[in-house]
Structures are given as structure tokens and as C-alpha cells.
Amino acid sequence: MDYGLWTMDYGLWTMDYGLWTMDYGLPTTDYRLKNLNEHYCNL
């Protein structure tokens, strides 16, 4: 039973981690687009 509760908590943690990586993916995409724009403006 305790092990089942631990895996449930771990499942919630991985869900939160998934949301964090989704949020992290958004700024990195913007950063990548910004670099591309600067790169092409400098050509």
C-alpha cells in the first residue's frame, strides 16, 4: 500500500515535471527564433 502511494506521488511529480519541460520548451523556441532573426538580419 505504501509503495502504491509512493508510485502515485511519483506519477504526480512526473506530471509536474512534464509541465515544467513544456514551459521550458516555450522560451527556448522563442530564443531560437530570435537567434534566427538576428542571424538573417546580419547577412
N, C-alpha and C. Protein backbone atom coordinates (compact mmCIF):
# COMPACT_ATOMS: atom_id res chain seq x y z
N MET A 1 0.84 -1.20 0.00
CA MET A 1 0.00 0.00 0.00
C MET A 1 0.87 1.25 0.00
N ASP A 2 1.87 1.26 0.87
CA ASP A 2 2.74 2.42 0.91
C ASP A 2 3.48 2.59 -0.43
N TYR A 3 3.88 1.47 -1.00
CA TYR A 3 4.58 1.52 -2.27
C TYR A 3 3.66 2.05 -3.36
N GLY A 4 2.36 1.67 -3.28
CA GLY A 4 1.39 2.17 -4.26
C GLY A 4 1.22 3.68 -4.15
N LEU A 5 1.19 4.17 -2.91
CA LEU A 5 1.06 5.62 -2.72
C LEU A 5 2.31 6.34 -3.22
N TRP A 6 3.48 5.73 -3.01
CA TRP A 6 4.72 6.35 -3.47
C TRP A 6 4.73 6.46 -4.99
N THR A 7 4.27 5.41 -5.67
CA THR A 7 4.26 5.46 -7.13
C THR A 7 3.24 6.48 -7.61
N MET A 8 2.14 6.65 -6.86
CA MET A 8 1.18 7.68 -7.24
C MET A 8 1.81 9.06 -7.11
N ASP A 9 2.53 9.30 -6.01
CA ASP A 9 3.20 10.58 -5.83
C ASP A 9 4.25 10.80 -6.92
N TYR A 10 4.95 9.74 -7.25
CA TYR A 10 5.96 9.83 -8.30
C TYR A 10 5.30 10.16 -9.64
N GLY A 11 4.10 9.59 -9.86
CA GLY A 11 3.37 9.89 -11.09
C GLY A 11 2.99 11.37 -11.15
N LEU A 12 2.58 11.92 -10.00
CA LEU A 12 2.23 13.34 -9.96
C LEU A 12 3.47 14.20 -10.20
N TRP A 13 4.59 13.77 -9.63
CA TRP A 13 5.83 14.51 -9.81
C TRP A 13 6.24 14.53 -11.28
N THR A 14 6.10 13.38 -11.95
CA THR A 14 6.48 13.33 -13.36
C THR A 14 5.52 14.17 -14.20
N MET A 15 4.26 14.24 -13.77
CA MET A 15 3.32 15.11 -14.49
C MET A 15 3.75 16.57 -14.34
N ASP A 16 4.12 16.97 -13.12
CA ASP A 16 4.58 18.34 -12.90
C ASP A 16 5.86 18.61 -13.69
N TYR A 17 6.74 17.62 -13.72
CA TYR A 17 7.98 17.76 -14.46
C TYR A 17 7.68 17.91 -15.95
N GLY A 18 6.65 17.20 -16.43
CA GLY A 18 6.25 17.32 -17.82
C GLY A 18 5.76 18.73 -18.14
N LEU A 19 5.02 19.32 -17.20
CA LEU A 19 4.54 20.69 -17.40
C LEU A 19 5.71 21.66 -17.40
N TRP A 20 6.69 21.41 -16.53
CA TRP A 20 7.85 22.28 -16.45
C TRP A 20 8.63 22.22 -17.76
N THR A 21 8.77 21.02 -18.33
CA THR A 21 9.52 20.91 -19.58
C THR A 21 8.74 21.56 -20.71
N MET A 22 7.40 21.52 -20.64
CA MET A 22 6.60 22.20 -21.67
C MET A 22 6.83 23.71 -21.58
N ASP A 23 6.82 24.26 -20.35
CA ASP A 23 7.06 25.69 -20.16
C ASP A 23 8.47 26.05 -20.59
N TYR A 24 9.42 25.18 -20.28
CA TYR A 24 10.82 25.42 -20.64
C TYR A 24 10.98 25.38 -22.15
N GLY A 25 10.18 24.54 -22.82
CA GLY A 25 10.27 24.43 -24.27
C GLY A 25 9.81 25.71 -24.96
N LEU A 26 8.89 26.45 -24.34
CA LEU A 26 8.39 27.67 -24.98
C LEU A 26 9.46 28.77 -25.05
N PRO A 27 10.17 29.09 -23.93
CA PRO A 27 11.20 30.12 -24.05
C PRO A 27 12.36 29.72 -24.95
N THR A 28 12.69 28.43 -24.98
CA THR A 28 13.81 28.03 -25.84
C THR A 28 13.42 28.17 -27.30
N THR A 29 12.15 27.94 -27.62
CA THR A 29 11.70 28.12 -29.00
C THR A 29 11.77 29.60 -29.38
N ASP A 30 11.32 30.48 -28.47
CA ASP A 30 11.39 31.92 -28.73
C ASP A 30 12.84 32.36 -28.89
N TYR A 31 13.73 31.80 -28.06
CA TYR A 31 15.14 32.14 -28.11
C TYR A 31 15.74 31.70 -29.44
N ARG A 32 15.32 30.53 -29.92
CA ARG A 32 15.82 30.02 -31.18
C ARG A 32 15.35 30.90 -32.34
N LEU A 33 14.09 31.32 -32.30
CA LEU A 33 13.56 32.18 -33.35
C LEU A 33 14.26 33.54 -33.33
N LYS A 34 14.55 34.05 -32.14
CA LYS A 34 15.24 35.33 -32.01
C LYS A 34 16.62 35.23 -32.63
N ASN A 35 17.34 34.12 -32.36
CA ASN A 35 18.67 33.93 -32.93
C ASN A 35 18.61 33.84 -34.45
N LEU A 36 17.58 33.15 -34.97
CA LEU A 36 17.44 33.03 -36.42
C LEU A 36 17.19 34.40 -37.04
N ASN A 37 16.32 35.21 -36.43
CA ASN A 37 16.03 36.53 -36.95
C ASN A 37 17.28 37.41 -36.97
N GLU A 38 18.05 37.37 -35.88
CA GLU A 38 19.28 38.16 -35.81
C GLU A 38 20.29 37.67 -36.84
N HIS A 39 20.35 36.34 -37.02
CA HIS A 39 21.30 35.77 -37.98
C HIS A 39 20.98 36.24 -39.39
N TYR A 40 19.71 36.19 -39.76
CA TYR A 40 19.34 36.58 -41.12
C TYR A 40 19.39 38.08 -41.32
N CYS A 41 19.18 38.85 -40.26
CA CYS A 41 19.27 40.31 -40.38
C CYS A 41 20.73 40.73 -40.58
N ASN A 42 21.66 39.93 -40.07
CA ASN A 42 23.08 40.27 -40.18
C ASN A 42 23.69 39.84 -41.50
N LEU A 43 22.96 39.06 -42.29
CA LEU A 43 23.53 38.60 -43.56
C LEU A 43 23.62 39.72 -44.57
